[in-house]
Amino acid sequence: MLKRKLSAIVIASLLSIGTAFAATPGGYVGAGIGLSSLDTPSNWLSFTPDSYSSKKGGLGGRIFAGYNINEYLGLETGVTQYTESHYKFDEEALGITDGKATYDMTAIDLVAKAYLPVADKFSLYALGGVAETFNKIKVSGNVLGNNQTDHESYAKLRPKFGVGANYVINESVSANFEVSRIQGSGGFKTSNKPVTNADMAAVTLAYNFG
């Protein structure tokens, strides 16, 4: 009899702890900022220019809204803006001076989140889903004395996945640290409409309605 009572107490305690440790059920909205990087190549030109420089990575931002179905499973949608990749180049043989290229990506995603409670008010989670990527490429320069600019914009659906940590500050506010990737497709030298890998490590704050 004593063993049964002890077992019941242990099981009840574990269940109550798991609930206390897990994410807050209900709806939430939030925003975050962090380091982002678009995995564009060092040189995506079809030739090697006389001079060439690139600048990739920097601060990106995200706004989102979601709903935790229970303490262990949720859905989230959001908009992420990644830092642009910038290039500068010159090629005397082709008469190109002050050449510039920019690659920009904005993404709208829908992901599922699975939480794993590990400590009081603290849980880890994994996410996976899809992202609609909106890609923009702009190339400009002076070619044989004439200023020229070329734009291209296109959208592609790509998979998104990541991991994170959630800390419940109080019943209304929670903080997250999240690392995510949108998986790209196509090479910048071989594809007409490439999508680069897009990475972000961000800190976010969320207001919980639950």
N, C-alpha and C. Protein backbone atom coordinates (compact mmCIF):
# COMPACT_ATOMS: atom_id res chain seq x y z
N MET A 1 0.83 -1.21 0.00
CA MET A 1 0.00 0.00 0.00
C MET A 1 0.86 1.26 0.00
N LEU A 2 1.92 1.27 0.83
CA LEU A 2 2.80 2.43 0.93
C LEU A 2 3.51 2.68 -0.39
N LYS A 3 3.95 1.57 -1.04
CA LYS A 3 4.63 1.72 -2.32
C LYS A 3 3.71 2.33 -3.36
N ARG A 4 2.42 1.90 -3.35
CA ARG A 4 1.46 2.45 -4.31
C ARG A 4 1.25 3.94 -4.09
N LYS A 5 1.16 4.34 -2.81
CA LYS A 5 0.97 5.76 -2.50
C LYS A 5 2.17 6.58 -2.95
N LEU A 6 3.38 6.04 -2.68
CA LEU A 6 4.58 6.75 -3.09
C LEU A 6 4.66 6.87 -4.61
N SER A 7 4.31 5.80 -5.31
CA SER A 7 4.32 5.83 -6.77
C SER A 7 3.34 6.87 -7.30
N ALA A 8 2.14 6.92 -6.70
CA ALA A 8 1.14 7.90 -7.13
C ALA A 8 1.63 9.31 -6.90
N ILE A 9 2.29 9.55 -5.76
CA ILE A 9 2.82 10.88 -5.44
C ILE A 9 3.90 11.29 -6.44
N VAL A 10 4.80 10.35 -6.76
CA VAL A 10 5.88 10.64 -7.72
C VAL A 10 5.32 10.96 -9.10
N ILE A 11 4.35 10.15 -9.56
CA ILE A 11 3.76 10.38 -10.88
C ILE A 11 3.05 11.74 -10.92
N ALA A 12 2.28 12.06 -9.89
CA ALA A 12 1.58 13.34 -9.83
C ALA A 12 2.56 14.49 -9.82
N SER A 13 3.66 14.32 -9.09
CA SER A 13 4.67 15.37 -9.02
C SER A 13 5.31 15.61 -10.38
N LEU A 14 5.65 14.52 -11.08
CA LEU A 14 6.26 14.66 -12.40
C LEU A 14 5.33 15.34 -13.39
N LEU A 15 4.05 14.99 -13.33
CA LEU A 15 3.08 15.61 -14.23
C LEU A 15 2.94 17.10 -13.96
N SER A 16 2.90 17.48 -12.67
CA SER A 16 2.77 18.89 -12.33
C SER A 16 4.03 19.66 -12.68
N ILE A 17 5.20 19.03 -12.54
CA ILE A 17 6.46 19.68 -12.90
C ILE A 17 6.51 19.92 -14.40
N GLY A 18 6.11 18.87 -15.18
CA GLY A 18 6.14 19.01 -16.62
C GLY A 18 5.28 20.15 -17.10
N THR A 19 4.11 20.31 -16.50
CA THR A 19 3.23 21.41 -16.86
C THR A 19 3.85 22.75 -16.52
N ALA A 20 4.50 22.84 -15.37
CA ALA A 20 5.11 24.10 -14.95
C ALA A 20 6.28 24.47 -15.84
N PHE A 21 6.99 23.44 -16.35
CA PHE A 21 8.19 23.70 -17.14
C PHE A 21 7.88 24.06 -18.59
N ALA A 22 6.72 23.65 -19.10
CA ALA A 22 6.46 23.74 -20.53
C ALA A 22 6.00 25.13 -20.94
N ALA A 23 5.80 25.30 -22.29
CA ALA A 23 5.39 26.59 -22.83
C ALA A 23 3.97 26.94 -22.40
N THR A 24 3.65 28.23 -22.46
CA THR A 24 2.33 28.72 -22.06
C THR A 24 1.31 28.46 -23.17
N PRO A 25 0.24 27.72 -22.91
CA PRO A 25 -0.78 27.48 -23.94
C PRO A 25 -1.50 28.77 -24.30
N GLY A 26 -2.02 28.83 -25.54
CA GLY A 26 -2.76 29.99 -25.99
C GLY A 26 -2.01 30.78 -27.05
N GLY A 27 -2.61 31.89 -27.46
CA GLY A 27 -2.04 32.72 -28.51
C GLY A 27 -0.95 33.64 -28.02
N TYR A 28 -0.11 34.07 -28.94
CA TYR A 28 0.96 35.02 -28.60
C TYR A 28 1.40 35.79 -29.84
N VAL A 29 1.99 36.95 -29.61
CA VAL A 29 2.61 37.75 -30.67
C VAL A 29 3.97 38.20 -30.17
N GLY A 30 4.87 38.51 -31.09
CA GLY A 30 6.19 38.92 -30.63
C GLY A 30 7.05 39.46 -31.76
N ALA A 31 8.27 39.84 -31.39
CA ALA A 31 9.24 40.37 -32.34
C ALA A 31 10.64 40.08 -31.82
N GLY A 32 11.59 40.08 -32.73
CA GLY A 32 12.95 39.81 -32.32
C GLY A 32 13.97 40.38 -33.28
N ILE A 33 15.22 40.34 -32.86
CA ILE A 33 16.33 40.84 -33.66
C ILE A 33 17.52 39.93 -33.44
N GLY A 34 18.37 39.81 -34.46
CA GLY A 34 19.52 38.95 -34.30
C GLY A 34 20.44 38.99 -35.50
N LEU A 35 21.45 38.13 -35.48
CA LEU A 35 22.41 38.04 -36.57
C LEU A 35 21.83 37.19 -37.70
N SER A 36 21.87 37.71 -38.91
CA SER A 36 21.37 36.97 -40.06
C SER A 36 22.44 36.92 -41.14
N SER A 37 22.34 35.90 -41.98
CA SER A 37 23.31 35.73 -43.05
C SER A 37 22.67 35.05 -44.24
N LEU A 38 22.90 35.61 -45.42
CA LEU A 38 22.49 34.98 -46.67
C LEU A 38 23.73 34.35 -47.28
N ASP A 39 23.67 33.05 -47.52
CA ASP A 39 24.85 32.29 -47.93
C ASP A 39 25.12 32.44 -49.43
N THR A 40 25.25 33.68 -49.87
CA THR A 40 25.58 33.94 -51.26
C THR A 40 27.07 33.68 -51.49
N PRO A 41 27.47 33.31 -52.72
CA PRO A 41 28.88 33.00 -52.98
C PRO A 41 29.76 34.24 -52.91
N SER A 42 31.05 34.02 -52.69
CA SER A 42 32.00 35.14 -52.64
C SER A 42 32.02 35.88 -53.98
N ASN A 43 31.88 35.14 -55.08
CA ASN A 43 31.83 35.75 -56.41
C ASN A 43 30.80 35.00 -57.24
N TRP A 44 29.70 35.66 -57.56
CA TRP A 44 28.69 34.97 -58.36
C TRP A 44 28.76 35.38 -59.84
N LEU A 45 29.75 36.21 -60.21
CA LEU A 45 29.91 36.62 -61.60
C LEU A 45 30.46 35.46 -62.43
N SER A 46 30.22 35.51 -63.73
CA SER A 46 30.73 34.47 -64.63
C SER A 46 32.18 34.73 -65.03
N PHE A 47 32.78 35.79 -64.51
CA PHE A 47 34.18 36.12 -64.79
C PHE A 47 34.84 36.60 -63.51
N THR A 48 36.15 36.65 -63.51
CA THR A 48 36.89 37.15 -62.36
C THR A 48 37.28 38.60 -62.63
N PRO A 49 36.67 39.57 -61.93
CA PRO A 49 36.92 40.98 -62.22
C PRO A 49 38.29 41.44 -61.71
N ASP A 50 38.69 42.63 -62.18
CA ASP A 50 39.96 43.21 -61.76
C ASP A 50 39.95 43.49 -60.26
N SER A 51 38.85 44.03 -59.77
CA SER A 51 38.70 44.29 -58.34
C SER A 51 37.33 43.82 -57.88
N TYR A 52 37.29 43.33 -56.65
CA TYR A 52 36.05 42.72 -56.18
C TYR A 52 36.02 42.75 -54.66
N SER A 53 34.86 43.08 -54.09
CA SER A 53 34.69 43.05 -52.64
C SER A 53 33.25 42.67 -52.33
N SER A 54 33.05 42.08 -51.17
CA SER A 54 31.70 41.67 -50.78
C SER A 54 31.49 41.93 -49.30
N LYS A 55 30.23 42.14 -48.93
CA LYS A 55 29.84 42.32 -47.53
C LYS A 55 28.58 41.51 -47.29
N LYS A 56 28.70 40.53 -46.39
CA LYS A 56 27.57 39.64 -46.12
C LYS A 56 27.34 39.52 -44.62
N GLY A 57 26.07 39.39 -44.23
CA GLY A 57 25.72 39.18 -42.83
C GLY A 57 25.56 40.47 -42.06
N GLY A 58 24.74 40.40 -41.01
CA GLY A 58 24.47 41.56 -40.16
C GLY A 58 23.16 41.36 -39.42
N LEU A 59 22.58 42.44 -38.94
CA LEU A 59 21.35 42.35 -38.16
C LEU A 59 20.14 42.10 -39.05
N GLY A 60 19.29 41.20 -38.59
CA GLY A 60 18.01 40.95 -39.24
C GLY A 60 16.90 41.06 -38.21
N GLY A 61 15.67 41.08 -38.67
CA GLY A 61 14.54 41.23 -37.76
C GLY A 61 13.39 40.30 -38.11
N ARG A 62 12.52 40.05 -37.11
CA ARG A 62 11.40 39.15 -37.30
C ARG A 62 10.21 39.57 -36.44
N ILE A 63 9.01 39.51 -37.00
CA ILE A 63 7.78 39.65 -36.24
C ILE A 63 6.97 38.38 -36.45
N PHE A 64 6.19 37.98 -35.44
CA PHE A 64 5.52 36.69 -35.53
C PHE A 64 4.28 36.64 -34.66
N ALA A 65 3.45 35.64 -34.94
CA ALA A 65 2.27 35.35 -34.12
C ALA A 65 2.09 33.84 -34.11
N GLY A 66 1.59 33.32 -33.00
CA GLY A 66 1.45 31.88 -32.92
C GLY A 66 0.40 31.44 -31.93
N TYR A 67 0.23 30.14 -31.85
CA TYR A 67 -0.73 29.56 -30.91
C TYR A 67 -0.17 28.23 -30.40
N ASN A 68 0.02 28.15 -29.08
CA ASN A 68 0.42 26.90 -28.47
C ASN A 68 -0.82 26.09 -28.14
N ILE A 69 -0.99 24.97 -28.84
CA ILE A 69 -2.17 24.12 -28.66
C ILE A 69 -2.22 23.58 -27.23
N ASN A 70 -1.08 23.19 -26.73
CA ASN A 70 -0.94 22.77 -25.33
C ASN A 70 0.49 23.10 -24.90
N GLU A 71 0.95 22.52 -23.79
CA GLU A 71 2.27 22.86 -23.28
C GLU A 71 3.41 22.33 -24.14
N TYR A 72 3.10 21.47 -25.11
CA TYR A 72 4.15 20.78 -25.84
C TYR A 72 4.12 20.98 -27.35
N LEU A 73 3.06 21.56 -27.88
CA LEU A 73 2.93 21.69 -29.34
C LEU A 73 2.31 23.03 -29.71
N GLY A 74 2.89 23.69 -30.72
CA GLY A 74 2.36 24.98 -31.16
C GLY A 74 2.56 25.19 -32.64
N LEU A 75 1.90 26.22 -33.17
CA LEU A 75 2.04 26.66 -34.55
C LEU A 75 2.42 28.14 -34.56
N GLU A 76 3.25 28.53 -35.52
CA GLU A 76 3.70 29.92 -35.58
C GLU A 76 3.86 30.37 -37.02
N THR A 77 3.51 31.62 -37.29
CA THR A 77 3.76 32.24 -38.58
C THR A 77 4.46 33.57 -38.35
N GLY A 78 5.30 33.96 -39.29
CA GLY A 78 6.04 35.20 -39.10
C GLY A 78 6.65 35.72 -40.38
N VAL A 79 7.19 36.93 -40.29
CA VAL A 79 7.88 37.58 -41.40
C VAL A 79 9.30 37.90 -40.94
N THR A 80 10.28 37.48 -41.72
CA THR A 80 11.68 37.71 -41.39
C THR A 80 12.36 38.49 -42.49
N GLN A 81 13.11 39.52 -42.10
CA GLN A 81 13.91 40.29 -43.04
C GLN A 81 15.38 39.99 -42.76
N TYR A 82 16.07 39.49 -43.77
CA TYR A 82 17.49 39.15 -43.64
C TYR A 82 18.36 40.30 -44.14
N THR A 83 19.59 40.36 -43.64
CA THR A 83 20.54 41.37 -44.09
C THR A 83 20.94 41.12 -45.53
N GLU A 84 20.98 42.16 -46.32
CA GLU A 84 21.35 42.04 -47.72
C GLU A 84 22.82 41.65 -47.88
N SER A 85 23.13 40.98 -48.99
CA SER A 85 24.52 40.76 -49.40
C SER A 85 24.88 41.80 -50.45
N HIS A 86 26.02 42.48 -50.25
CA HIS A 86 26.44 43.56 -51.16
C HIS A 86 27.76 43.20 -51.83
N TYR A 87 27.88 43.58 -53.11
CA TYR A 87 29.10 43.32 -53.89
C TYR A 87 29.49 44.57 -54.66
N LYS A 88 30.81 44.77 -54.81
CA LYS A 88 31.34 45.85 -55.65
C LYS A 88 32.43 45.26 -56.54
N PHE A 89 32.47 45.71 -57.81
CA PHE A 89 33.46 45.16 -58.73
C PHE A 89 33.73 46.13 -59.88
N ASP A 90 34.89 45.94 -60.50
CA ASP A 90 35.30 46.68 -61.70
C ASP A 90 35.99 45.70 -62.64
N GLU A 91 35.79 45.90 -63.96
CA GLU A 91 36.43 45.06 -64.96
C GLU A 91 36.80 45.92 -66.17
N GLU A 92 38.08 46.28 -66.23
CA GLU A 92 38.54 47.19 -67.27
C GLU A 92 38.35 46.63 -68.67
N ALA A 93 38.59 45.32 -68.83
CA ALA A 93 38.49 44.72 -70.17
C ALA A 93 37.08 44.81 -70.74
N LEU A 94 36.08 44.80 -69.87
CA LEU A 94 34.69 44.90 -70.32
C LEU A 94 34.14 46.31 -70.22
N GLY A 95 34.99 47.23 -69.80
CA GLY A 95 34.56 48.62 -69.67
C GLY A 95 33.59 48.85 -68.54
N ILE A 96 33.65 48.02 -67.48
CA ILE A 96 32.73 48.14 -66.35
C ILE A 96 33.43 48.84 -65.20
N THR A 97 32.84 49.93 -64.72
CA THR A 97 33.34 50.62 -63.54
C THR A 97 32.19 50.85 -62.57
N ASP A 98 32.52 50.95 -61.31
CA ASP A 98 31.53 51.18 -60.25
C ASP A 98 30.41 50.14 -60.30
N GLY A 99 30.78 48.87 -60.55
CA GLY A 99 29.78 47.82 -60.57
C GLY A 99 29.31 47.46 -59.16
N LYS A 100 28.01 47.27 -59.01
CA LYS A 100 27.43 46.93 -57.71
C LYS A 100 26.35 45.86 -57.90
N ALA A 101 26.27 44.95 -56.93
CA ALA A 101 25.22 43.92 -56.95
C ALA A 101 24.69 43.74 -55.53
N THR A 102 23.38 43.54 -55.42
CA THR A 102 22.73 43.35 -54.11
C THR A 102 21.75 42.19 -54.19
N TYR A 103 21.81 41.32 -53.19
CA TYR A 103 20.82 40.24 -53.07
C TYR A 103 20.07 40.42 -51.76
N ASP A 104 18.74 40.43 -51.83
CA ASP A 104 17.89 40.69 -50.67
C ASP A 104 16.84 39.58 -50.55
N MET A 105 16.54 39.19 -49.30
CA MET A 105 15.49 38.18 -49.09
C MET A 105 14.60 38.56 -47.91
N THR A 106 13.29 38.47 -48.13
CA THR A 106 12.28 38.54 -47.08
C THR A 106 11.49 37.23 -47.13
N ALA A 107 11.10 36.69 -45.98
CA ALA A 107 10.41 35.40 -45.97
C ALA A 107 9.19 35.45 -45.06
N ILE A 108 8.12 34.81 -45.52
CA ILE A 108 6.92 34.58 -44.71
C ILE A 108 6.84 33.08 -44.46
N ASP A 109 6.80 32.67 -43.19
CA ASP A 109 6.87 31.24 -42.89
C ASP A 109 5.69 30.75 -42.05
N LEU A 110 5.51 29.44 -42.07
CA LEU A 110 4.55 28.75 -41.21
C LEU A 110 5.24 27.50 -40.69
N VAL A 111 5.40 27.40 -39.36
CA VAL A 111 6.14 26.28 -38.77
C VAL A 111 5.36 25.69 -37.60
N ALA A 112 5.63 24.41 -37.35
CA ALA A 112 5.15 23.75 -36.14
C ALA A 112 6.30 23.71 -35.13
N LYS A 113 5.96 23.83 -33.83
CA LYS A 113 6.97 23.84 -32.77
C LYS A 113 6.65 22.74 -31.75
N ALA A 114 7.67 21.96 -31.41
CA ALA A 114 7.52 20.91 -30.40
C ALA A 114 8.42 21.24 -29.22
N TYR A 115 7.83 21.38 -28.02
CA TYR A 115 8.56 21.81 -26.82
C TYR A 115 8.98 20.62 -25.96
N LEU A 116 10.14 20.75 -25.34
CA LEU A 116 10.64 19.76 -24.39
C LEU A 116 10.99 20.47 -23.08
N PRO A 117 10.18 20.30 -22.02
CA PRO A 117 10.48 20.95 -20.73
C PRO A 117 11.76 20.38 -20.13
N VAL A 118 12.64 21.27 -19.62
CA VAL A 118 13.89 20.81 -19.02
C VAL A 118 14.16 21.41 -17.64
N ALA A 119 13.52 22.52 -17.29
CA ALA A 119 13.73 23.15 -15.98
C ALA A 119 12.56 24.08 -15.72
N ASP A 120 12.50 24.62 -14.50
CA ASP A 120 11.41 25.50 -14.11
C ASP A 120 11.32 26.70 -15.05
N LYS A 121 10.20 26.85 -15.74
CA LYS A 121 9.91 27.93 -16.68
C LYS A 121 10.79 27.90 -17.93
N PHE A 122 11.51 26.84 -18.15
CA PHE A 122 12.47 26.77 -19.25
C PHE A 122 12.23 25.51 -20.06
N SER A 123 12.21 25.67 -21.40
CA SER A 123 12.03 24.51 -22.28
C SER A 123 12.83 24.71 -23.56
N LEU A 124 13.17 23.61 -24.17
CA LEU A 124 13.79 23.61 -25.49
C LEU A 124 12.73 23.27 -26.53
N TYR A 125 12.96 23.67 -27.78
CA TYR A 125 11.99 23.32 -28.81
C TYR A 125 12.68 23.15 -30.16
N ALA A 126 12.01 22.42 -31.02
CA ALA A 126 12.41 22.26 -32.41
C ALA A 126 11.28 22.78 -33.29
N LEU A 127 11.62 23.32 -34.44
CA LEU A 127 10.60 23.84 -35.35
C LEU A 127 10.87 23.34 -36.77
N GLY A 128 9.81 23.24 -37.52
CA GLY A 128 9.93 22.83 -38.92
C GLY A 128 8.70 23.23 -39.70
N GLY A 129 8.90 23.61 -40.96
CA GLY A 129 7.77 24.03 -41.79
C GLY A 129 8.23 24.54 -43.13
N VAL A 130 7.50 25.50 -43.66
CA VAL A 130 7.80 26.05 -44.99
C VAL A 130 7.89 27.56 -44.92
N ALA A 131 8.62 28.13 -45.89
CA ALA A 131 8.76 29.58 -45.98
C ALA A 131 8.64 30.01 -47.43
N GLU A 132 7.84 31.02 -47.67
CA GLU A 132 7.76 31.64 -49.00
C GLU A 132 8.82 32.73 -49.03
N THR A 133 9.84 32.55 -49.87
CA THR A 133 10.94 33.51 -49.93
C THR A 133 10.71 34.50 -51.07
N PHE A 134 10.90 35.76 -50.77
CA PHE A 134 10.79 36.83 -51.76
C PHE A 134 12.19 37.37 -52.00
N ASN A 135 12.72 37.08 -53.19
CA ASN A 135 14.11 37.34 -53.51
C ASN A 135 14.23 38.51 -54.49
N LYS A 136 15.23 39.36 -54.25
CA LYS A 136 15.47 40.50 -55.13
C LYS A 136 16.96 40.58 -55.45
N ILE A 137 17.27 40.69 -56.73
CA ILE A 137 18.65 40.88 -57.18
C ILE A 137 18.72 42.18 -57.98
N LYS A 138 19.67 43.03 -57.62
CA LYS A 138 19.87 44.29 -58.33
C LYS A 138 21.34 44.40 -58.71
N VAL A 139 21.59 44.66 -60.00
CA VAL A 139 22.95 44.83 -60.50
C VAL A 139 23.01 46.16 -61.24
N SER A 140 24.01 46.96 -60.93
CA SER A 140 24.16 48.25 -61.59
C SER A 140 25.63 48.54 -61.84
N GLY A 141 25.90 49.49 -62.72
CA GLY A 141 27.28 49.87 -63.00
C GLY A 141 27.37 50.77 -64.23
N ASN A 142 28.56 51.28 -64.46
CA ASN A 142 28.84 52.09 -65.63
C ASN A 142 29.51 51.19 -66.66
N VAL A 143 28.82 50.98 -67.77
CA VAL A 143 29.33 50.10 -68.82
C VAL A 143 29.62 50.93 -70.06
N LEU A 144 30.91 51.06 -70.38
CA LEU A 144 31.34 51.85 -71.55
C LEU A 144 30.76 53.26 -71.53
N GLY A 145 30.74 53.83 -70.33
CA GLY A 145 30.28 55.21 -70.19
C GLY A 145 28.79 55.37 -69.98
N ASN A 146 28.04 54.28 -69.98
CA ASN A 146 26.59 54.35 -69.79
C ASN A 146 26.20 53.69 -68.47
N ASN A 147 25.41 54.39 -67.66
CA ASN A 147 24.92 53.82 -66.41
C ASN A 147 23.79 52.84 -66.70
N GLN A 148 23.92 51.63 -66.19
CA GLN A 148 22.92 50.60 -66.42
C GLN A 148 22.52 49.94 -65.11
N THR A 149 21.23 49.58 -65.03
CA THR A 149 20.69 48.92 -63.84
C THR A 149 19.75 47.81 -64.27
N ASP A 150 19.89 46.65 -63.59
CA ASP A 150 19.03 45.51 -63.90
C ASP A 150 18.44 44.99 -62.59
N HIS A 151 17.10 44.76 -62.57
CA HIS A 151 16.40 44.25 -61.39
C HIS A 151 15.76 42.91 -61.72
N GLU A 152 15.70 42.06 -60.72
CA GLU A 152 14.95 40.81 -60.86
C GLU A 152 14.35 40.44 -59.51
N SER A 153 13.05 40.11 -59.51
CA SER A 153 12.36 39.72 -58.28
C SER A 153 11.58 38.43 -58.55
N TYR A 154 11.58 37.52 -57.59
CA TYR A 154 10.86 36.26 -57.74
C TYR A 154 10.62 35.66 -56.36
N ALA A 155 9.66 34.75 -56.29
CA ALA A 155 9.30 34.09 -55.03
C ALA A 155 9.43 32.59 -55.19
N LYS A 156 9.87 31.92 -54.11
CA LYS A 156 9.98 30.46 -54.11
C LYS A 156 9.63 29.92 -52.73
N LEU A 157 8.98 28.76 -52.71
CA LEU A 157 8.64 28.09 -51.46
C LEU A 157 9.78 27.14 -51.08
N ARG A 158 10.29 27.29 -49.84
CA ARG A 158 11.43 26.49 -49.39
C ARG A 158 11.19 25.97 -47.97
N PRO A 159 11.84 24.86 -47.59
CA PRO A 159 11.69 24.35 -46.22
C PRO A 159 12.44 25.20 -45.20
N LYS A 160 11.90 25.24 -43.98
CA LYS A 160 12.54 25.95 -42.87
C LYS A 160 12.59 25.04 -41.66
N PHE A 161 13.70 25.11 -40.91
CA PHE A 161 13.83 24.31 -39.69
C PHE A 161 14.75 25.04 -38.71
N GLY A 162 14.68 24.62 -37.44
CA GLY A 162 15.52 25.28 -36.44
C GLY A 162 15.30 24.70 -35.05
N VAL A 163 16.02 25.26 -34.10
CA VAL A 163 15.91 24.89 -32.69
C VAL A 163 15.93 26.16 -31.86
N GLY A 164 15.43 26.06 -30.62
CA GLY A 164 15.41 27.24 -29.76
C GLY A 164 15.24 26.89 -28.30
N ALA A 165 15.28 27.91 -27.48
CA ALA A 165 15.07 27.78 -26.04
C ALA A 165 14.05 28.84 -25.62
N ASN A 166 13.10 28.43 -24.79
CA ASN A 166 12.02 29.31 -24.34
C ASN A 166 12.08 29.47 -22.82
N TYR A 167 11.99 30.74 -22.36
CA TYR A 167 11.96 31.00 -20.93
C TYR A 167 10.73 31.84 -20.60
N VAL A 168 9.88 31.37 -19.71
CA VAL A 168 8.66 32.07 -19.32
C VAL A 168 9.01 33.06 -18.21
N ILE A 169 9.05 34.35 -18.56
CA ILE A 169 9.38 35.39 -17.58
C ILE A 169 8.26 35.55 -16.58
N ASN A 170 7.03 35.64 -17.08
CA ASN A 170 5.83 35.63 -16.23
C ASN A 170 4.68 35.10 -17.07
N GLU A 171 3.46 35.15 -16.57
CA GLU A 171 2.32 34.56 -17.28
C GLU A 171 2.01 35.26 -18.59
N SER A 172 2.55 36.47 -18.78
CA SER A 172 2.24 37.22 -19.99
C SER A 172 3.42 37.37 -20.95
N VAL A 173 4.63 37.21 -20.48
CA VAL A 173 5.81 37.49 -21.29
C VAL A 173 6.76 36.30 -21.27
N SER A 174 7.28 35.96 -22.45
CA SER A 174 8.29 34.92 -22.56
C SER A 174 9.39 35.38 -23.51
N ALA A 175 10.59 34.85 -23.29
CA ALA A 175 11.75 35.18 -24.12
C ALA A 175 12.26 33.92 -24.79
N ASN A 176 12.81 34.08 -25.99
CA ASN A 176 13.33 32.95 -26.75
C ASN A 176 14.69 33.28 -27.34
N PHE A 177 15.52 32.26 -27.45
CA PHE A 177 16.72 32.34 -28.30
C PHE A 177 16.55 31.25 -29.34
N GLU A 178 16.63 31.64 -30.61
CA GLU A 178 16.30 30.72 -31.70
C GLU A 178 17.32 30.78 -32.82
N VAL A 179 17.69 29.60 -33.33
CA VAL A 179 18.57 29.49 -34.49
C VAL A 179 17.79 28.76 -35.59
N SER A 180 17.71 29.36 -36.78
CA SER A 180 16.90 28.77 -37.84
C SER A 180 17.59 28.89 -39.19
N ARG A 181 17.13 28.05 -40.10
CA ARG A 181 17.64 28.10 -41.47
C ARG A 181 16.52 27.88 -42.46
N ILE A 182 16.52 28.65 -43.54
CA ILE A 182 15.72 28.37 -44.72
C ILE A 182 16.66 27.71 -45.73
N GLN A 183 16.30 26.53 -46.19
CA GLN A 183 17.16 25.78 -47.10
C GLN A 183 17.03 26.32 -48.51
N GLY A 184 18.13 26.75 -49.10
CA GLY A 184 18.11 27.32 -50.43
C GLY A 184 18.05 26.28 -51.54
N SER A 185 18.05 26.77 -52.77
CA SER A 185 18.05 25.88 -53.94
C SER A 185 18.66 26.61 -55.13
N GLY A 186 19.39 25.87 -55.96
CA GLY A 186 19.96 26.46 -57.17
C GLY A 186 21.24 27.21 -56.90
N GLY A 187 22.16 27.14 -57.85
CA GLY A 187 23.43 27.86 -57.74
C GLY A 187 23.34 29.23 -58.41
N PHE A 188 24.08 30.19 -57.87
CA PHE A 188 24.02 31.54 -58.42
C PHE A 188 24.70 31.66 -59.79
N LYS A 189 25.52 30.67 -60.14
CA LYS A 189 26.16 30.69 -61.45
C LYS A 189 25.48 29.75 -62.44
N THR A 190 24.53 28.94 -61.94
CA THR A 190 23.90 27.94 -62.81
C THR A 190 22.38 28.07 -62.88
N SER A 191 21.76 28.80 -61.96
CA SER A 191 20.30 28.91 -61.92
C SER A 191 19.86 30.34 -62.22
N ASN A 192 18.74 30.46 -62.95
CA ASN A 192 18.20 31.79 -63.26
C ASN A 192 17.52 32.43 -62.05
N LYS A 193 17.00 31.59 -61.15
CA LYS A 193 16.29 32.11 -59.98
C LYS A 193 16.75 31.36 -58.74
N PRO A 194 17.99 31.61 -58.31
CA PRO A 194 18.52 30.89 -57.13
C PRO A 194 17.93 31.43 -55.83
N VAL A 195 17.91 30.57 -54.82
CA VAL A 195 17.55 30.96 -53.46
C VAL A 195 18.69 30.52 -52.55
N THR A 196 19.28 31.45 -51.84
CA THR A 196 20.39 31.12 -50.97
C THR A 196 19.91 30.53 -49.65
N ASN A 197 20.77 29.76 -48.97
CA ASN A 197 20.49 29.41 -47.58
C ASN A 197 20.40 30.71 -46.78
N ALA A 198 19.42 30.78 -45.88
CA ALA A 198 19.23 31.98 -45.05
C ALA A 198 19.24 31.56 -43.59
N ASP A 199 20.20 32.06 -42.84
CA ASP A 199 20.37 31.70 -41.43
C ASP A 199 20.12 32.89 -40.52
N MET A 200 19.58 32.59 -39.33
CA MET A 200 19.39 33.65 -38.33
C MET A 200 19.50 33.08 -36.93
N ALA A 201 20.21 33.81 -36.06
CA ALA A 201 20.26 33.52 -34.63
C ALA A 201 19.70 34.74 -33.92
N ALA A 202 18.51 34.61 -33.34
CA ALA A 202 17.78 35.77 -32.85
C ALA A 202 17.31 35.61 -31.41
N VAL A 203 17.18 36.75 -30.75
CA VAL A 203 16.54 36.83 -29.44
C VAL A 203 15.17 37.48 -29.64
N THR A 204 14.12 36.88 -29.11
CA THR A 204 12.78 37.40 -29.30
C THR A 204 12.05 37.53 -27.97
N LEU A 205 11.06 38.40 -27.95
CA LEU A 205 10.15 38.54 -26.82
C LEU A 205 8.73 38.34 -27.32
N ALA A 206 7.92 37.65 -26.55
CA ALA A 206 6.53 37.38 -26.96
C ALA A 206 5.58 37.74 -25.83
N TYR A 207 4.43 38.29 -26.22
CA TYR A 207 3.34 38.55 -25.29
C TYR A 207 2.33 37.43 -25.43
N ASN A 208 2.04 36.76 -24.33
CA ASN A 208 1.15 35.60 -24.34
C ASN A 208 -0.27 35.99 -23.91
N PHE A 209 -1.25 35.56 -24.69
CA PHE A 209 -2.66 35.83 -24.37
C PHE A 209 -3.29 34.71 -23.56
N GLY A 210 -2.58 33.60 -23.39
CA GLY A 210 -3.14 32.44 -22.71
C GLY A 210 -3.34 32.65 -21.23
